[in-house]
Amino acid sequence: MYNKILLPIDGSNHSKLAAKHAIDITDTNNGEITVLFVIEPNYPRLPVLPIATLPTPDETYYDELREEANKIIEEFEVEIEKNQLAGKCQNINFNTIIREGKAHIEILETMNKTDFDLIVMGASGRHNTIDRFALGSVTEMVIRESKIPVMVIP
């Protein structure tokens, strides 16, 4: 059974649906959900552009991304509290991790650091179309490299 779930979220509707599924899976067996939010600059990674032509983000930009991450995590926690009031999530332990870097790399590194049984994630997130075209989606890269089952929620 799935007792330890890694739940990468990004605030998108797909990640919210994935959270509901993770809660449904874990709620019946006293499990644990680790919520992971990855702060990742949304600069396109096009192989035709030299790195020097891309603008360099300043610390203010990263502060804004961190604030957005905290807001999304807070919204998730409010939803958990609502579920607990409705009688769900009573038997689930939640952990929250915020990391910075490329989303698929941080998801896989987090998976490797802990003994998770399952990754539950949305089919699509908030990444821009250029990144998806150039690199493939985060979900696809996690599926390809994961050593544990990945449940993808459309």
N, C-alpha and C. Protein backbone atom coordinates (compact mmCIF):
# COMPACT_ATOMS: atom_id res chain seq x y z
N MET A 1 0.84 -1.17 0.00
CA MET A 1 0.00 0.00 0.00
C MET A 1 0.89 1.24 0.00
N TYR A 2 0.30 2.37 -0.32
CA TYR A 2 1.04 3.61 -0.42
C TYR A 2 0.90 4.41 0.88
N ASN A 3 1.95 4.40 1.68
CA ASN A 3 1.92 5.09 2.96
C ASN A 3 2.69 6.40 2.95
N LYS A 4 3.68 6.53 2.07
CA LYS A 4 4.48 7.75 2.01
C LYS A 4 4.43 8.29 0.59
N ILE A 5 3.75 9.41 0.44
CA ILE A 5 3.52 9.99 -0.89
C ILE A 5 4.27 11.32 -1.01
N LEU A 6 4.92 11.49 -2.15
CA LEU A 6 5.53 12.77 -2.50
C LEU A 6 4.55 13.48 -3.42
N LEU A 7 4.17 14.69 -3.05
CA LEU A 7 3.18 15.47 -3.79
C LEU A 7 3.78 16.80 -4.23
N PRO A 8 4.35 16.85 -5.45
CA PRO A 8 4.83 18.13 -5.96
C PRO A 8 3.64 19.00 -6.35
N ILE A 9 3.61 20.24 -5.88
CA ILE A 9 2.53 21.15 -6.24
C ILE A 9 3.12 22.44 -6.80
N ASP A 10 2.31 23.11 -7.63
CA ASP A 10 2.75 24.39 -8.18
C ASP A 10 1.62 25.42 -8.20
N GLY A 11 0.49 25.08 -7.59
CA GLY A 11 -0.63 26.01 -7.57
C GLY A 11 -1.57 25.88 -8.75
N SER A 12 -1.22 25.06 -9.73
CA SER A 12 -2.09 24.87 -10.89
C SER A 12 -3.30 24.01 -10.52
N ASN A 13 -4.32 24.05 -11.36
CA ASN A 13 -5.50 23.21 -11.13
C ASN A 13 -5.14 21.74 -11.14
N HIS A 14 -4.20 21.34 -12.00
CA HIS A 14 -3.78 19.93 -12.05
C HIS A 14 -3.14 19.50 -10.73
N SER A 15 -2.33 20.37 -10.14
CA SER A 15 -1.70 19.98 -8.87
C SER A 15 -2.72 19.95 -7.74
N LYS A 16 -3.75 20.78 -7.81
CA LYS A 16 -4.82 20.74 -6.81
C LYS A 16 -5.59 19.43 -6.91
N LEU A 17 -5.85 18.97 -8.12
CA LEU A 17 -6.51 17.68 -8.31
C LEU A 17 -5.62 16.54 -7.82
N ALA A 18 -4.34 16.66 -8.08
CA ALA A 18 -3.39 15.63 -7.62
C ALA A 18 -3.40 15.58 -6.09
N ALA A 19 -3.48 16.73 -5.43
CA ALA A 19 -3.52 16.78 -3.97
C ALA A 19 -4.74 16.04 -3.44
N LYS A 20 -5.90 16.24 -4.08
CA LYS A 20 -7.12 15.55 -3.65
C LYS A 20 -6.94 14.04 -3.76
N HIS A 21 -6.33 13.57 -4.84
CA HIS A 21 -6.09 12.13 -5.00
C HIS A 21 -5.12 11.61 -3.95
N ALA A 22 -4.06 12.36 -3.70
CA ALA A 22 -3.09 11.93 -2.69
C ALA A 22 -3.75 11.82 -1.32
N ILE A 23 -4.61 12.76 -1.00
CA ILE A 23 -5.32 12.72 0.28
C ILE A 23 -6.25 11.52 0.33
N ASP A 24 -6.98 11.26 -0.75
CA ASP A 24 -7.88 10.11 -0.77
C ASP A 24 -7.12 8.80 -0.59
N ILE A 25 -5.96 8.69 -1.21
CA ILE A 25 -5.15 7.47 -1.11
C ILE A 25 -4.62 7.29 0.31
N THR A 26 -4.15 8.36 0.90
CA THR A 26 -3.45 8.29 2.17
C THR A 26 -4.38 8.32 3.38
N ASP A 27 -5.54 8.90 3.23
CA ASP A 27 -6.44 9.09 4.36
C ASP A 27 -6.89 7.79 5.00
N THR A 28 -6.99 6.73 4.22
CA THR A 28 -7.50 5.46 4.75
C THR A 28 -6.44 4.61 5.44
N ASN A 29 -5.17 4.96 5.28
CA ASN A 29 -4.13 4.08 5.83
C ASN A 29 -3.09 4.80 6.70
N ASN A 30 -3.52 5.89 7.36
CA ASN A 30 -2.62 6.59 8.29
C ASN A 30 -1.26 6.90 7.67
N GLY A 31 -1.28 7.46 6.49
CA GLY A 31 -0.04 7.70 5.77
C GLY A 31 0.55 9.09 5.98
N GLU A 32 1.51 9.37 5.14
CA GLU A 32 2.26 10.63 5.20
C GLU A 32 2.36 11.21 3.80
N ILE A 33 2.10 12.51 3.70
CA ILE A 33 2.24 13.21 2.43
C ILE A 33 3.29 14.30 2.61
N THR A 34 4.28 14.28 1.74
CA THR A 34 5.27 15.35 1.72
C THR A 34 4.95 16.23 0.53
N VAL A 35 4.59 17.47 0.83
CA VAL A 35 4.24 18.45 -0.19
C VAL A 35 5.52 19.17 -0.58
N LEU A 36 5.80 19.15 -1.89
CA LEU A 36 7.03 19.77 -2.40
C LEU A 36 6.67 20.89 -3.37
N PHE A 37 7.20 22.07 -3.11
CA PHE A 37 7.07 23.18 -4.04
C PHE A 37 8.47 23.56 -4.49
N VAL A 38 8.67 23.64 -5.80
CA VAL A 38 9.98 23.99 -6.34
C VAL A 38 9.92 25.40 -6.92
N ILE A 39 10.77 26.26 -6.41
CA ILE A 39 10.90 27.61 -6.96
C ILE A 39 11.84 27.50 -8.15
N GLU A 40 11.30 27.85 -9.31
CA GLU A 40 12.06 27.73 -10.55
C GLU A 40 11.81 28.96 -11.42
N PRO A 41 12.85 29.69 -11.77
CA PRO A 41 12.65 30.81 -12.68
C PRO A 41 12.06 30.31 -14.00
N ASN A 42 11.12 31.07 -14.53
CA ASN A 42 10.46 30.66 -15.78
C ASN A 42 11.13 31.23 -17.01
N TYR A 43 12.44 31.17 -17.05
CA TYR A 43 13.14 31.59 -18.26
C TYR A 43 13.18 30.43 -19.24
N PRO A 44 12.88 30.70 -20.52
CA PRO A 44 12.97 29.61 -21.50
C PRO A 44 14.41 29.16 -21.66
N ARG A 45 14.58 27.88 -21.87
CA ARG A 45 15.92 27.32 -22.05
C ARG A 45 16.08 26.88 -23.51
N LEU A 46 16.26 27.88 -24.36
CA LEU A 46 16.39 27.58 -25.78
C LEU A 46 17.85 27.36 -26.13
N PRO A 47 18.15 26.25 -26.81
CA PRO A 47 19.55 25.98 -27.14
C PRO A 47 20.14 26.96 -28.14
N VAL A 48 19.32 27.73 -28.84
CA VAL A 48 19.84 28.64 -29.86
C VAL A 48 20.29 29.97 -29.27
N LEU A 49 19.92 30.26 -28.04
CA LEU A 49 20.31 31.53 -27.43
C LEU A 49 21.53 31.34 -26.54
N PRO A 50 22.53 32.17 -26.71
CA PRO A 50 23.65 32.10 -25.77
C PRO A 50 23.20 32.55 -24.39
N ILE A 51 23.78 31.97 -23.38
CA ILE A 51 23.42 32.29 -22.00
C ILE A 51 23.56 33.80 -21.74
N ALA A 52 24.56 34.43 -22.32
CA ALA A 52 24.82 35.84 -22.07
C ALA A 52 23.66 36.74 -22.52
N THR A 53 22.81 36.27 -23.45
CA THR A 53 21.72 37.11 -23.94
C THR A 53 20.51 37.07 -23.01
N LEU A 54 20.46 36.13 -22.08
CA LEU A 54 19.34 36.05 -21.16
C LEU A 54 19.55 37.01 -20.00
N PRO A 55 18.48 37.68 -19.55
CA PRO A 55 18.64 38.59 -18.42
C PRO A 55 18.97 37.82 -17.15
N THR A 56 19.74 38.44 -16.29
CA THR A 56 20.10 37.82 -15.02
C THR A 56 19.11 38.29 -13.96
N PRO A 57 18.40 37.34 -13.32
CA PRO A 57 17.45 37.76 -12.29
C PRO A 57 18.17 38.29 -11.07
N ASP A 58 17.59 39.33 -10.45
CA ASP A 58 18.18 39.85 -9.22
C ASP A 58 17.50 39.20 -8.02
N GLU A 59 17.96 39.54 -6.82
CA GLU A 59 17.44 38.91 -5.60
C GLU A 59 15.96 39.24 -5.39
N THR A 60 15.53 40.41 -5.86
CA THR A 60 14.12 40.79 -5.74
C THR A 60 13.24 39.79 -6.49
N TYR A 61 13.69 39.35 -7.64
CA TYR A 61 12.95 38.37 -8.44
C TYR A 61 12.79 37.07 -7.64
N TYR A 62 13.86 36.60 -7.02
CA TYR A 62 13.79 35.37 -6.23
C TYR A 62 12.94 35.56 -4.97
N ASP A 63 12.97 36.76 -4.38
CA ASP A 63 12.10 37.04 -3.24
C ASP A 63 10.64 36.94 -3.64
N GLU A 64 10.30 37.45 -4.82
CA GLU A 64 8.92 37.35 -5.32
C GLU A 64 8.52 35.89 -5.53
N LEU A 65 9.44 35.08 -6.07
CA LEU A 65 9.15 33.67 -6.27
C LEU A 65 8.96 32.95 -4.93
N ARG A 66 9.77 33.31 -3.94
CA ARG A 66 9.63 32.71 -2.61
C ARG A 66 8.29 33.10 -1.97
N GLU A 67 7.90 34.36 -2.14
CA GLU A 67 6.60 34.82 -1.62
C GLU A 67 5.46 34.05 -2.28
N GLU A 68 5.56 33.85 -3.59
CA GLU A 68 4.54 33.09 -4.31
C GLU A 68 4.49 31.65 -3.81
N ALA A 69 5.65 31.05 -3.57
CA ALA A 69 5.71 29.68 -3.06
C ALA A 69 5.02 29.60 -1.70
N ASN A 70 5.33 30.53 -0.82
CA ASN A 70 4.71 30.54 0.51
C ASN A 70 3.20 30.73 0.42
N LYS A 71 2.74 31.56 -0.51
CA LYS A 71 1.30 31.79 -0.69
C LYS A 71 0.62 30.49 -1.14
N ILE A 72 1.22 29.79 -2.09
CA ILE A 72 0.64 28.54 -2.59
C ILE A 72 0.61 27.48 -1.49
N ILE A 73 1.67 27.40 -0.71
CA ILE A 73 1.71 26.45 0.42
C ILE A 73 0.64 26.81 1.44
N GLU A 74 0.48 28.11 1.75
CA GLU A 74 -0.55 28.54 2.70
C GLU A 74 -1.94 28.18 2.20
N GLU A 75 -2.20 28.38 0.90
CA GLU A 75 -3.49 28.01 0.32
C GLU A 75 -3.73 26.50 0.46
N PHE A 76 -2.69 25.73 0.25
CA PHE A 76 -2.79 24.28 0.40
C PHE A 76 -3.13 23.92 1.85
N GLU A 77 -2.47 24.57 2.79
CA GLU A 77 -2.72 24.29 4.21
C GLU A 77 -4.14 24.67 4.61
N VAL A 78 -4.68 25.75 4.04
CA VAL A 78 -6.07 26.13 4.32
C VAL A 78 -7.01 25.04 3.81
N GLU A 79 -6.73 24.49 2.63
CA GLU A 79 -7.55 23.40 2.09
C GLU A 79 -7.48 22.17 3.00
N ILE A 80 -6.31 21.88 3.52
CA ILE A 80 -6.15 20.74 4.43
C ILE A 80 -7.01 20.97 5.67
N GLU A 81 -6.98 22.18 6.22
CA GLU A 81 -7.78 22.48 7.40
C GLU A 81 -9.26 22.31 7.11
N LYS A 82 -9.71 22.74 5.91
CA LYS A 82 -11.11 22.55 5.53
C LYS A 82 -11.45 21.06 5.46
N ASN A 83 -10.55 20.27 4.88
CA ASN A 83 -10.76 18.83 4.79
C ASN A 83 -10.81 18.20 6.18
N GLN A 84 -9.96 18.67 7.08
CA GLN A 84 -9.96 18.12 8.44
C GLN A 84 -11.28 18.43 9.14
N LEU A 85 -11.81 19.61 8.91
CA LEU A 85 -13.10 19.96 9.50
C LEU A 85 -14.22 19.11 8.90
N ALA A 86 -14.04 18.66 7.68
CA ALA A 86 -15.04 17.82 7.03
C ALA A 86 -14.82 16.34 7.35
N GLY A 87 -13.86 16.05 8.21
CA GLY A 87 -13.64 14.66 8.62
C GLY A 87 -12.57 13.92 7.85
N LYS A 88 -11.93 14.56 6.89
CA LYS A 88 -10.84 13.93 6.16
C LYS A 88 -9.50 14.39 6.75
N CYS A 89 -8.46 13.77 6.31
CA CYS A 89 -7.08 14.14 6.67
C CYS A 89 -6.77 13.99 8.14
N GLN A 90 -7.63 13.33 8.91
CA GLN A 90 -7.39 13.17 10.34
C GLN A 90 -6.20 12.28 10.62
N ASN A 91 -5.95 11.33 9.72
CA ASN A 91 -4.91 10.33 9.94
C ASN A 91 -3.69 10.52 9.05
N ILE A 92 -3.53 11.71 8.49
CA ILE A 92 -2.43 11.97 7.57
C ILE A 92 -1.44 12.92 8.23
N ASN A 93 -0.16 12.58 8.15
CA ASN A 93 0.90 13.49 8.56
C ASN A 93 1.38 14.24 7.32
N PHE A 94 1.45 15.56 7.42
CA PHE A 94 1.90 16.39 6.30
C PHE A 94 3.25 17.01 6.61
N ASN A 95 4.12 16.99 5.62
CA ASN A 95 5.40 17.68 5.67
C ASN A 95 5.44 18.62 4.47
N THR A 96 6.11 19.72 4.61
CA THR A 96 6.23 20.67 3.51
C THR A 96 7.71 20.96 3.25
N ILE A 97 8.06 20.93 1.97
CA ILE A 97 9.43 21.24 1.55
C ILE A 97 9.36 22.27 0.44
N ILE A 98 10.17 23.32 0.53
CA ILE A 98 10.33 24.27 -0.57
C ILE A 98 11.78 24.20 -1.00
N ARG A 99 11.99 23.94 -2.30
CA ARG A 99 13.35 23.87 -2.83
C ARG A 99 13.46 24.81 -4.01
N GLU A 100 14.68 25.13 -4.38
CA GLU A 100 14.93 25.99 -5.54
C GLU A 100 15.75 25.24 -6.56
N GLY A 101 15.35 25.35 -7.84
CA GLY A 101 16.08 24.70 -8.92
C GLY A 101 15.14 24.27 -10.03
N LYS A 102 15.61 23.37 -10.86
CA LYS A 102 14.79 22.81 -11.93
C LYS A 102 13.81 21.83 -11.30
N ALA A 103 12.54 21.97 -11.63
CA ALA A 103 11.49 21.22 -10.95
C ALA A 103 11.71 19.71 -11.00
N HIS A 104 11.96 19.15 -12.18
CA HIS A 104 12.07 17.69 -12.27
C HIS A 104 13.29 17.18 -11.49
N ILE A 105 14.37 17.93 -11.49
CA ILE A 105 15.57 17.52 -10.76
C ILE A 105 15.30 17.54 -9.26
N GLU A 106 14.66 18.58 -8.78
CA GLU A 106 14.38 18.70 -7.34
C GLU A 106 13.38 17.63 -6.89
N ILE A 107 12.40 17.31 -7.74
CA ILE A 107 11.44 16.25 -7.41
C ILE A 107 12.17 14.92 -7.28
N LEU A 108 13.01 14.61 -8.25
CA LEU A 108 13.73 13.34 -8.23
C LEU A 108 14.73 13.26 -7.08
N GLU A 109 15.40 14.36 -6.78
CA GLU A 109 16.34 14.36 -5.65
C GLU A 109 15.61 14.19 -4.33
N THR A 110 14.46 14.81 -4.20
CA THR A 110 13.66 14.64 -2.98
C THR A 110 13.20 13.20 -2.86
N MET A 111 12.77 12.61 -3.98
CA MET A 111 12.35 11.20 -4.00
C MET A 111 13.49 10.31 -3.53
N ASN A 112 14.71 10.59 -3.97
CA ASN A 112 15.86 9.74 -3.62
C ASN A 112 16.30 9.89 -2.17
N LYS A 113 15.97 11.02 -1.54
CA LYS A 113 16.41 11.25 -0.16
C LYS A 113 15.50 10.60 0.88
N THR A 114 14.31 10.23 0.48
CA THR A 114 13.35 9.64 1.42
C THR A 114 12.75 8.40 0.79
N ASP A 115 12.26 7.51 1.61
CA ASP A 115 11.71 6.25 1.13
C ASP A 115 10.23 6.40 0.79
N PHE A 116 9.93 7.11 -0.29
CA PHE A 116 8.54 7.30 -0.72
C PHE A 116 8.04 6.04 -1.43
N ASP A 117 6.73 5.83 -1.37
CA ASP A 117 6.08 4.72 -2.07
C ASP A 117 5.51 5.15 -3.41
N LEU A 118 5.19 6.44 -3.54
CA LEU A 118 4.46 6.92 -4.70
C LEU A 118 4.66 8.42 -4.86
N ILE A 119 4.70 8.86 -6.12
CA ILE A 119 4.66 10.28 -6.45
C ILE A 119 3.30 10.52 -7.08
N VAL A 120 2.59 11.52 -6.60
CA VAL A 120 1.31 11.91 -7.19
C VAL A 120 1.47 13.33 -7.69
N MET A 121 1.25 13.53 -8.98
CA MET A 121 1.42 14.87 -9.54
C MET A 121 0.47 15.11 -10.69
N GLY A 122 0.24 16.38 -10.99
CA GLY A 122 -0.64 16.75 -12.08
C GLY A 122 0.01 16.51 -13.43
N ALA A 123 -0.84 16.31 -14.42
CA ALA A 123 -0.35 16.05 -15.78
C ALA A 123 0.32 17.27 -16.38
N SER A 124 -0.07 18.43 -15.93
CA SER A 124 0.48 19.66 -16.48
C SER A 124 0.52 20.69 -15.36
N GLY A 125 1.48 21.58 -15.47
CA GLY A 125 1.61 22.60 -14.44
C GLY A 125 1.58 23.98 -15.03
N ARG A 126 2.29 24.89 -14.39
CA ARG A 126 2.28 26.29 -14.80
C ARG A 126 3.47 26.66 -15.67
N HIS A 127 4.22 25.69 -16.16
CA HIS A 127 5.40 26.01 -16.95
C HIS A 127 5.00 26.49 -18.34
N ASN A 128 5.84 27.33 -18.90
CA ASN A 128 5.46 27.92 -20.18
C ASN A 128 5.64 26.96 -21.34
N THR A 129 5.00 27.28 -22.44
CA THR A 129 4.97 26.42 -23.61
C THR A 129 6.36 26.23 -24.22
N ILE A 130 7.19 27.28 -24.18
CA ILE A 130 8.52 27.17 -24.78
C ILE A 130 9.35 26.13 -24.03
N ASP A 131 9.33 26.16 -22.71
CA ASP A 131 10.06 25.15 -21.93
C ASP A 131 9.55 23.75 -22.25
N ARG A 132 8.24 23.60 -22.33
CA ARG A 132 7.66 22.29 -22.59
C ARG A 132 8.10 21.78 -23.96
N PHE A 133 8.12 22.69 -24.94
CA PHE A 133 8.53 22.30 -26.29
C PHE A 133 10.00 21.93 -26.33
N ALA A 134 10.83 22.73 -25.68
CA ALA A 134 12.28 22.53 -25.74
C ALA A 134 12.75 21.35 -24.89
N LEU A 135 12.13 21.14 -23.74
CA LEU A 135 12.64 20.16 -22.79
C LEU A 135 11.70 19.00 -22.50
N GLY A 136 10.43 19.13 -22.80
CA GLY A 136 9.46 18.14 -22.37
C GLY A 136 8.91 18.56 -21.02
N SER A 137 7.76 18.06 -20.68
CA SER A 137 7.13 18.51 -19.44
C SER A 137 7.85 17.94 -18.21
N VAL A 138 7.68 18.62 -17.10
CA VAL A 138 8.26 18.18 -15.83
C VAL A 138 7.74 16.78 -15.51
N THR A 139 6.43 16.59 -15.67
CA THR A 139 5.82 15.30 -15.36
C THR A 139 6.45 14.18 -16.20
N GLU A 140 6.63 14.45 -17.47
CA GLU A 140 7.22 13.43 -18.35
C GLU A 140 8.64 13.07 -17.91
N MET A 141 9.42 14.07 -17.54
CA MET A 141 10.80 13.80 -17.11
C MET A 141 10.83 13.03 -15.80
N VAL A 142 9.90 13.33 -14.89
CA VAL A 142 9.83 12.59 -13.63
C VAL A 142 9.45 11.14 -13.91
N ILE A 143 8.47 10.93 -14.76
CA ILE A 143 8.04 9.56 -15.10
C ILE A 143 9.21 8.77 -15.67
N ARG A 144 9.96 9.39 -16.57
CA ARG A 144 11.08 8.68 -17.21
C ARG A 144 12.17 8.27 -16.23
N GLU A 145 12.41 9.09 -15.21
CA GLU A 145 13.56 8.86 -14.34
C GLU A 145 13.22 8.33 -12.95
N SER A 146 11.94 8.25 -12.63
CA SER A 146 11.53 7.83 -11.30
C SER A 146 11.80 6.34 -11.08
N LYS A 147 12.17 6.02 -9.83
CA LYS A 147 12.40 4.64 -9.44
C LYS A 147 11.20 4.07 -8.69
N ILE A 148 10.19 4.90 -8.49
CA ILE A 148 8.96 4.46 -7.81
C ILE A 148 7.76 4.80 -8.71
N PRO A 149 6.60 4.24 -8.43
CA PRO A 149 5.43 4.55 -9.25
C PRO A 149 5.09 6.05 -9.21
N VAL A 150 4.61 6.54 -10.35
CA VAL A 150 4.17 7.92 -10.46
C VAL A 150 2.71 7.89 -10.91
N MET A 151 1.83 8.50 -10.13
CA MET A 151 0.42 8.62 -10.50
C MET A 151 0.23 10.01 -11.07
N VAL A 152 -0.20 10.07 -12.33
CA VAL A 152 -0.39 11.35 -13.01
C VAL A 152 -1.88 11.63 -13.08
N ILE A 153 -2.28 12.79 -12.57
CA ILE A 153 -3.68 13.17 -12.53
C ILE A 153 -3.94 14.20 -13.62
N PRO A 154 -4.85 13.88 -14.55
CA PRO A 154 -5.14 14.83 -15.64
C PRO A 154 -5.96 16.03 -15.17
